[in-house]
Amino acid sequence: MTIVIIIVAAIMLLALGALIWWYYPIVRNPWKPPDRVQERMQKICRTAGTDFPPSEPRVVIQKSRRELLIFDGNKLIKSYKAALGTNPVDDKRKEGDGCTPEGEFYVCTKNDRSRFHLFLGISYPNVEDAERGKSTRLISESEYSQIVEAIANTKRPPWNTKLGGEIGIHGGGAESDWTLGCIALSNSDIEEVFMFVNLGTSVTITQE
């Protein structure tokens, strides 16, 4: 009987450990750039005729083309294959619709311990989304004000309203549209994009 209890306890501990590992990636070691990544990034920028790190990085995501473009000002540095939400056509309207949002955003978080390798949070919902949400009574006046204030201060807007949240650019693969509304790249590509952009970097998402 004692042996059975020990075995059951061991199985439960293993299951708990696996759960913590999956849901709480902060317990993992932080990501470190692969060897020679600095040289690779410098080469990419040199080929594009700009410096690394770029002085005016910005991101453009073209949904219909499944492309993520990195610019330094108006100079294109590199394009990447991207995957979208399970509803890749429509603009995001609410939590759970599987849509990738469209509009003007910025990078509001950088997470190097994401279970999707690396994660760049974007500032969805923006003010336009908040105005729509308020007019349709999807969010409250208080939630609207919190979103507007966060955007005015280039902070992360609330991600727990019925408009949805936690939208970002991350790894995991770009072979098909599989996310809940995020933009997914290959793990090697998100490593480059992660190093190109900063908090506050502009992110434009278009239907094009």
C-alpha atoms as a PDB file:
ATOM      1  CA  MET A   1       0.000   0.000   0.000  1.00  0.00           C
ATOM      2  CA  THR A   2       2.859   2.363   0.873  1.00  0.00           C
ATOM      3  CA  ILE A   3       4.529   1.695  -2.482  1.00  0.00           C
ATOM      4  CA  VAL A   4       1.291   2.502  -4.318  1.00  0.00           C
ATOM      5  CA  ILE A   5       0.990   5.812  -2.440  1.00  0.00           C
ATOM      6  CA  ILE A   6       4.600   6.678  -3.295  1.00  0.00           C
ATOM      7  CA  ILE A   7       4.052   5.882  -6.986  1.00  0.00           C
ATOM      8  CA  VAL A   8       0.823   7.924  -7.120  1.00  0.00           C
ATOM      9  CA  ALA A   9       2.541  10.849  -5.352  1.00  0.00           C
ATOM     10  CA  ALA A  10       5.464  10.673  -7.795  1.00  0.00           C
ATOM     11  CA  ILE A  11       3.094  10.714 -10.783  1.00  0.00           C
ATOM     12  CA  MET A  12       1.227  13.692  -9.343  1.00  0.00           C
ATOM     13  CA  LEU A  13       4.484  15.578  -8.771  1.00  0.00           C
ATOM     14  CA  LEU A  14       5.588  14.893 -12.338  1.00  0.00           C
ATOM     15  CA  ALA A  15       2.229  16.080 -13.666  1.00  0.00           C
ATOM     16  CA  LEU A  16       2.412  19.208 -11.532  1.00  0.00           C
ATOM     17  CA  GLY A  17       5.946  19.893 -12.728  1.00  0.00           C
ATOM     18  CA  ALA A  18       4.864  19.539 -16.366  1.00  0.00           C
ATOM     19  CA  LEU A  19       1.938  21.878 -15.732  1.00  0.00           C
ATOM     20  CA  ILE A  20       4.180  24.514 -14.165  1.00  0.00           C
ATOM     21  CA  TRP A  21       6.655  24.182 -17.022  1.00  0.00           C
ATOM     22  CA  TRP A  22       3.936  24.758 -19.631  1.00  0.00           C
ATOM     23  CA  TYR A  23       1.829  27.454 -17.996  1.00  0.00           C
ATOM     24  CA  TYR A  24       4.524  29.325 -16.109  1.00  0.00           C
ATOM     25  CA  PRO A  25       7.476  29.742 -18.497  1.00  0.00           C
ATOM     26  CA  ILE A  26       9.074  32.205 -16.072  1.00  0.00           C
ATOM     27  CA  VAL A  27      10.643  29.156 -14.383  1.00  0.00           C
ATOM     28  CA  ARG A  28      12.653  28.509 -17.550  1.00  0.00           C
ATOM     29  CA  ASN A  29      15.970  30.093 -18.304  1.00  0.00           C
ATOM     30  CA  PRO A  30      15.666  33.453 -20.117  1.00  0.00           C
ATOM     31  CA  TRP A  31      16.326  33.440 -23.844  1.00  0.00           C
ATOM     32  CA  LYS A  32      19.813  34.311 -24.974  1.00  0.00           C
ATOM     33  CA  PRO A  33      20.643  35.267 -28.573  1.00  0.00           C
ATOM     34  CA  PRO A  34      22.235  32.352 -30.442  1.00  0.00           C
ATOM     35  CA  ASP A  35      25.942  32.493 -31.212  1.00  0.00           C
ATOM     36  CA  ARG A  36      26.904  35.029 -33.860  1.00  0.00           C
ATOM     37  CA  VAL A  37      23.370  36.467 -33.933  1.00  0.00           C
ATOM     38  CA  GLN A  38      24.837  39.962 -33.615  1.00  0.00           C
ATOM     39  CA  GLU A  39      26.878  39.392 -36.769  1.00  0.00           C
ATOM     40  CA  ARG A  40      23.832  38.031 -38.589  1.00  0.00           C
ATOM     41  CA  MET A  41      21.735  41.049 -37.659  1.00  0.00           C
ATOM     42  CA  GLN A  42      24.495  43.427 -38.705  1.00  0.00           C
ATOM     43  CA  LYS A  43      24.750  41.640 -42.055  1.00  0.00           C
ATOM     44  CA  ILE A  44      20.988  41.884 -42.621  1.00  0.00           C
ATOM     45  CA  CYS A  45      21.058  45.633 -41.915  1.00  0.00           C
ATOM     46  CA  ARG A  46      24.174  46.186 -43.977  1.00  0.00           C
ATOM     47  CA  THR A  47      22.539  44.460 -46.956  1.00  0.00           C
ATOM     48  CA  ALA A  48      19.494  46.721 -46.477  1.00  0.00           C
ATOM     49  CA  GLY A  49      21.712  49.805 -46.332  1.00  0.00           C
ATOM     50  CA  THR A  50      21.028  50.694 -42.712  1.00  0.00           C
ATOM     51  CA  ASP A  51      22.581  50.266 -39.255  1.00  0.00           C
ATOM     52  CA  PHE A  52      22.019  47.732 -36.528  1.00  0.00           C
ATOM     53  CA  PRO A  53      20.222  48.381 -34.334  1.00  0.00           C
ATOM     54  CA  PRO A  54      17.946  50.465 -36.592  1.00  0.00           C
ATOM     55  CA  SER A  55      17.360  53.994 -35.324  1.00  0.00           C
ATOM     56  CA  GLU A  56      13.688  54.146 -36.392  1.00  0.00           C
ATOM     57  CA  PRO A  57      12.366  50.571 -36.369  1.00  0.00           C
ATOM     58  CA  ARG A  58       8.762  49.988 -37.320  1.00  0.00           C
ATOM     59  CA  VAL A  59       6.692  46.937 -38.158  1.00  0.00           C
ATOM     60  CA  VAL A  60       4.107  46.520 -40.913  1.00  0.00           C
ATOM     61  CA  ILE A  61       1.970  43.381 -41.097  1.00  0.00           C
ATOM     62  CA  GLN A  62       0.087  42.698 -44.328  1.00  0.00           C
ATOM     63  CA  LYS A  63      -2.603  40.160 -43.529  1.00  0.00           C
ATOM     64  CA  SER A  64      -3.585  39.083 -47.041  1.00  0.00           C
ATOM     65  CA  ARG A  65       0.076  38.572 -47.974  1.00  0.00           C
ATOM     66  CA  ARG A  66       0.889  36.820 -44.679  1.00  0.00           C
ATOM     67  CA  GLU A  67       3.953  39.025 -44.355  1.00  0.00           C
ATOM     68  CA  LEU A  68       5.625  40.913 -41.554  1.00  0.00           C
ATOM     69  CA  LEU A  69       7.928  43.702 -42.714  1.00  0.00           C
ATOM     70  CA  ILE A  70      10.620  45.406 -40.646  1.00  0.00           C
ATOM     71  CA  PHE A  71      11.571  48.956 -41.641  1.00  0.00           C
ATOM     72  CA  ASP A  72      14.119  51.484 -40.472  1.00  0.00           C
ATOM     73  CA  GLY A  73      12.175  54.640 -41.183  1.00  0.00           C
ATOM     74  CA  ASN A  74      11.084  54.157 -44.800  1.00  0.00           C
ATOM     75  CA  LYS A  75      13.844  51.685 -45.641  1.00  0.00           C
ATOM     76  CA  LEU A  76      12.803  48.026 -45.749  1.00  0.00           C
ATOM     77  CA  ILE A  77      15.167  45.821 -43.782  1.00  0.00           C
ATOM     78  CA  LYS A  78      13.562  42.397 -44.173  1.00  0.00           C
ATOM     79  CA  SER A  79      10.251  40.593 -44.712  1.00  0.00           C
ATOM     80  CA  TYR A  80       9.077  37.484 -42.855  1.00  0.00           C
ATOM     81  CA  LYS A  81       6.421  34.852 -43.515  1.00  0.00           C
ATOM     82  CA  ALA A  82       3.631  35.173 -40.938  1.00  0.00           C
ATOM     83  CA  ALA A  83       0.608  33.203 -39.748  1.00  0.00           C
ATOM     84  CA  LEU A  84      -2.572  34.809 -38.405  1.00  0.00           C
ATOM     85  CA  GLY A  85      -5.624  33.940 -36.340  1.00  0.00           C
ATOM     86  CA  THR A  86      -8.025  31.153 -37.243  1.00  0.00           C
ATOM     87  CA  ASN A  87     -10.220  33.864 -38.816  1.00  0.00           C
ATOM     88  CA  PRO A  88      -7.490  35.619 -40.818  1.00  0.00           C
ATOM     89  CA  VAL A  89      -9.746  37.908 -42.875  1.00  0.00           C
ATOM     90  CA  ASP A  90     -11.880  39.945 -40.485  1.00  0.00           C
ATOM     91  CA  ASP A  91     -10.760  42.692 -38.118  1.00  0.00           C
ATOM     92  CA  LYS A  92     -10.814  41.700 -34.455  1.00  0.00           C
ATOM     93  CA  ARG A  93     -14.015  42.722 -32.668  1.00  0.00           C
ATOM     94  CA  LYS A  94     -14.181  40.765 -29.424  1.00  0.00           C
ATOM     95  CA  GLU A  95     -12.584  38.097 -27.266  1.00  0.00           C
ATOM     96  CA  GLY A  96     -12.595  34.630 -28.824  1.00  0.00           C
ATOM     97  CA  ASP A  97     -13.377  35.576 -32.437  1.00  0.00           C
ATOM     98  CA  GLY A  98     -10.026  34.266 -33.731  1.00  0.00           C
ATOM     99  CA  CYS A  99      -9.396  37.462 -35.698  1.00  0.00           C
ATOM    100  CA  THR A 100      -6.116  39.336 -36.024  1.00  0.00           C
ATOM    101  CA  PRO A 101      -6.728  43.062 -35.382  1.00  0.00           C
ATOM    102  CA  GLU A 102      -6.110  45.836 -37.903  1.00  0.00           C
ATOM    103  CA  GLY A 103      -4.964  49.374 -37.220  1.00  0.00           C
ATOM    104  CA  GLU A 104      -2.148  51.331 -35.623  1.00  0.00           C
ATOM    105  CA  PHE A 105      -0.508  49.844 -32.559  1.00  0.00           C
ATOM    106  CA  TYR A 106       2.871  49.715 -30.802  1.00  0.00           C
ATOM    107  CA  VAL A 107       4.962  47.140 -28.986  1.00  0.00           C
ATOM    108  CA  CYS A 108       3.824  47.314 -25.353  1.00  0.00           C
ATOM    109  CA  THR A 109       5.559  44.258 -23.856  1.00  0.00           C
ATOM    110  CA  LYS A 110       8.614  42.111 -24.591  1.00  0.00           C
ATOM    111  CA  ASN A 111       8.552  38.620 -23.064  1.00  0.00           C
ATOM    112  CA  ASP A 112      11.629  36.432 -23.543  1.00  0.00           C
ATOM    113  CA  ARG A 113      10.135  33.565 -21.521  1.00  0.00           C
ATOM    114  CA  SER A 114       7.002  32.905 -23.530  1.00  0.00           C
ATOM    115  CA  ARG A 115       5.861  29.342 -24.211  1.00  0.00           C
ATOM    116  CA  PHE A 116       5.775  30.500 -27.842  1.00  0.00           C
ATOM    117  CA  HIS A 117       9.536  31.132 -27.601  1.00  0.00           C
ATOM    118  CA  LEU A 118       9.490  34.959 -27.670  1.00  0.00           C
ATOM    119  CA  PHE A 119       6.506  37.312 -27.445  1.00  0.00           C
ATOM    120  CA  LEU A 120       6.077  40.950 -28.476  1.00  0.00           C
ATOM    121  CA  GLY A 121       2.787  42.220 -27.083  1.00  0.00           C
ATOM    122  CA  ILE A 122       0.998  44.853 -29.169  1.00  0.00           C
ATOM    123  CA  SER A 123      -1.308  47.589 -27.895  1.00  0.00           C
ATOM    124  CA  TYR A 124      -4.651  46.033 -28.814  1.00  0.00           C
ATOM    125  CA  PRO A 125      -7.271  47.259 -28.040  1.00  0.00           C
ATOM    126  CA  ASN A 126      -6.432  50.761 -29.255  1.00  0.00           C
ATOM    127  CA  VAL A 127      -8.575  53.883 -28.906  1.00  0.00           C
ATOM    128  CA  GLU A 128     -10.656  53.090 -32.005  1.00  0.00           C
ATOM    129  CA  ASP A 129     -11.372  49.617 -30.676  1.00  0.00           C
ATOM    130  CA  ALA A 130     -12.338  51.124 -27.310  1.00  0.00           C
ATOM    131  CA  GLU A 131     -14.699  53.620 -28.944  1.00  0.00           C
ATOM    132  CA  ARG A 132     -16.387  50.844 -30.876  1.00  0.00           C
ATOM    133  CA  GLY A 133     -16.609  48.694 -27.759  1.00  0.00           C
ATOM    134  CA  LYS A 134     -18.163  51.519 -25.751  1.00  0.00           C
ATOM    135  CA  SER A 135     -20.681  52.404 -28.453  1.00  0.00           C
ATOM    136  CA  THR A 136     -21.858  48.779 -28.677  1.00  0.00           C
ATOM    137  CA  ARG A 137     -21.830  48.428 -24.869  1.00  0.00           C
ATOM    138  CA  LEU A 138     -19.260  45.660 -25.084  1.00  0.00           C
ATOM    139  CA  ILE A 139     -17.122  47.475 -22.529  1.00  0.00           C
ATOM    140  CA  SER A 140     -17.947  49.870 -19.716  1.00  0.00           C
ATOM    141  CA  GLU A 141     -17.142  53.562 -19.481  1.00  0.00           C
ATOM    142  CA  SER A 142     -14.470  52.719 -16.911  1.00  0.00           C
ATOM    143  CA  GLU A 143     -12.825  50.157 -19.194  1.00  0.00           C
ATOM    144  CA  TYR A 144     -12.949  52.647 -22.057  1.00  0.00           C
ATOM    145  CA  SER A 145     -11.176  55.254 -19.942  1.00  0.00           C
ATOM    146  CA  GLN A 146      -8.505  52.759 -18.855  1.00  0.00           C
ATOM    147  CA  ILE A 147      -7.744  51.874 -22.477  1.00  0.00           C
ATOM    148  CA  VAL A 148      -7.582  55.504 -23.599  1.00  0.00           C
ATOM    149  CA  GLU A 149      -5.296  56.423 -20.697  1.00  0.00           C
ATOM    150  CA  ALA A 150      -2.960  53.491 -21.381  1.00  0.00           C
ATOM    151  CA  ILE A 151      -2.658  54.398 -25.061  1.00  0.00           C
ATOM    152  CA  ALA A 152      -2.038  58.074 -24.232  1.00  0.00           C
ATOM    153  CA  ASN A 153       0.891  56.988 -22.058  1.00  0.00           C
ATOM    154  CA  THR A 154       2.206  54.312 -24.460  1.00  0.00           C
ATOM    155  CA  LYS A 155       1.467  51.594 -21.913  1.00  0.00           C
ATOM    156  CA  ARG A 156      -0.129  48.177 -22.187  1.00  0.00           C
ATOM    157  CA  PRO A 157      -3.918  48.579 -22.432  1.00  0.00           C
ATOM    158  CA  PRO A 158      -6.181  46.309 -20.353  1.00  0.00           C
ATOM    159  CA  TRP A 159      -6.196  42.797 -21.798  1.00  0.00           C
ATOM    160  CA  ASN A 160      -9.105  41.457 -19.757  1.00  0.00           C
ATOM    161  CA  THR A 161     -12.093  43.181 -21.365  1.00  0.00           C
ATOM    162  CA  LYS A 162     -14.632  41.658 -23.761  1.00  0.00           C
ATOM    163  CA  LEU A 163     -12.693  43.264 -26.620  1.00  0.00           C
ATOM    164  CA  GLY A 164      -9.991  40.654 -26.031  1.00  0.00           C
ATOM    165  CA  GLY A 165      -6.290  41.106 -25.464  1.00  0.00           C
ATOM    166  CA  GLU A 166      -2.869  39.476 -25.211  1.00  0.00           C
ATOM    167  CA  ILE A 167      -2.418  39.927 -28.949  1.00  0.00           C
ATOM    168  CA  GLY A 168       1.180  39.855 -30.057  1.00  0.00           C
ATOM    169  CA  ILE A 169       3.900  38.639 -32.387  1.00  0.00           C
ATOM    170  CA  HIS A 170       5.425  35.331 -31.331  1.00  0.00           C
ATOM    171  CA  GLY A 171       7.094  32.128 -32.446  1.00  0.00           C
ATOM    172  CA  GLY A 172       5.651  28.689 -32.961  1.00  0.00           C
ATOM    173  CA  GLY A 173       5.523  28.495 -36.752  1.00  0.00           C
ATOM    174  CA  ALA A 174       4.033  30.261 -39.761  1.00  0.00           C
ATOM    175  CA  GLU A 175       2.934  27.373 -41.945  1.00  0.00           C
ATOM    176  CA  SER A 176      -0.814  27.901 -41.421  1.00  0.00           C
ATOM    177  CA  ASP A 177      -3.217  30.260 -39.626  1.00  0.00           C
ATOM    178  CA  TRP A 178      -3.495  28.751 -36.156  1.00  0.00           C
ATOM    179  CA  THR A 179      -3.395  31.470 -33.497  1.00  0.00           C
ATOM    180  CA  LEU A 180      -6.199  33.039 -31.444  1.00  0.00           C
ATOM    181  CA  GLY A 181      -5.539  36.375 -33.163  1.00  0.00           C
ATOM    182  CA  CYS A 182      -1.794  36.802 -32.815  1.00  0.00           C
ATOM    183  CA  ILE A 183       0.844  36.973 -35.537  1.00  0.00           C
ATOM    184  CA  ALA A 184       3.071  33.898 -35.535  1.00  0.00           C
ATOM    185  CA  LEU A 185       6.529  33.532 -37.059  1.00  0.00           C
ATOM    186  CA  SER A 186       9.057  30.733 -37.092  1.00  0.00           C
ATOM    187  CA  ASN A 187      11.186  30.637 -33.953  1.00  0.00           C
ATOM    188  CA  SER A 188      14.288  31.756 -35.845  1.00  0.00           C
ATOM    189  CA  ASP A 189      12.406  34.698 -37.386  1.00  0.00           C
ATOM    190  CA  ILE A 190      10.923  35.915 -34.103  1.00  0.00           C
ATOM    191  CA  GLU A 191      14.451  35.963 -32.691  1.00  0.00           C
ATOM    192  CA  GLU A 192      15.439  38.514 -35.337  1.00  0.00           C
ATOM    193  CA  VAL A 193      12.284  40.605 -34.985  1.00  0.00           C
ATOM    194  CA  PHE A 194      12.612  40.532 -31.194  1.00  0.00           C
ATOM    195  CA  MET A 195      16.072  42.078 -31.499  1.00  0.00           C
ATOM    196  CA  PHE A 196      15.017  44.659 -34.086  1.00  0.00           C
ATOM    197  CA  VAL A 197      12.185  46.272 -32.129  1.00  0.00           C
ATOM    198  CA  ASN A 198      11.874  48.127 -28.828  1.00  0.00           C
ATOM    199  CA  LEU A 199       9.056  48.976 -26.464  1.00  0.00           C
ATOM    200  CA  GLY A 200       7.034  51.665 -28.232  1.00  0.00           C
ATOM    201  CA  THR A 201       7.973  50.517 -31.747  1.00  0.00           C
ATOM    202  CA  SER A 202       5.139  51.249 -34.192  1.00  0.00           C
ATOM    203  CA  VAL A 203       3.132  48.255 -35.470  1.00  0.00           C
ATOM    204  CA  THR A 204       0.757  48.767 -38.407  1.00  0.00           C
ATOM    205  CA  ILE A 205      -1.571  45.887 -39.331  1.00  0.00           C
ATOM    206  CA  THR A 206      -3.395  46.145 -42.658  1.00  0.00           C
ATOM    207  CA  GLN A 207      -5.808  43.955 -44.615  1.00  0.00           C
ATOM    208  CA  GLU A 208      -3.552  44.299 -47.694  1.00  0.00           C
END
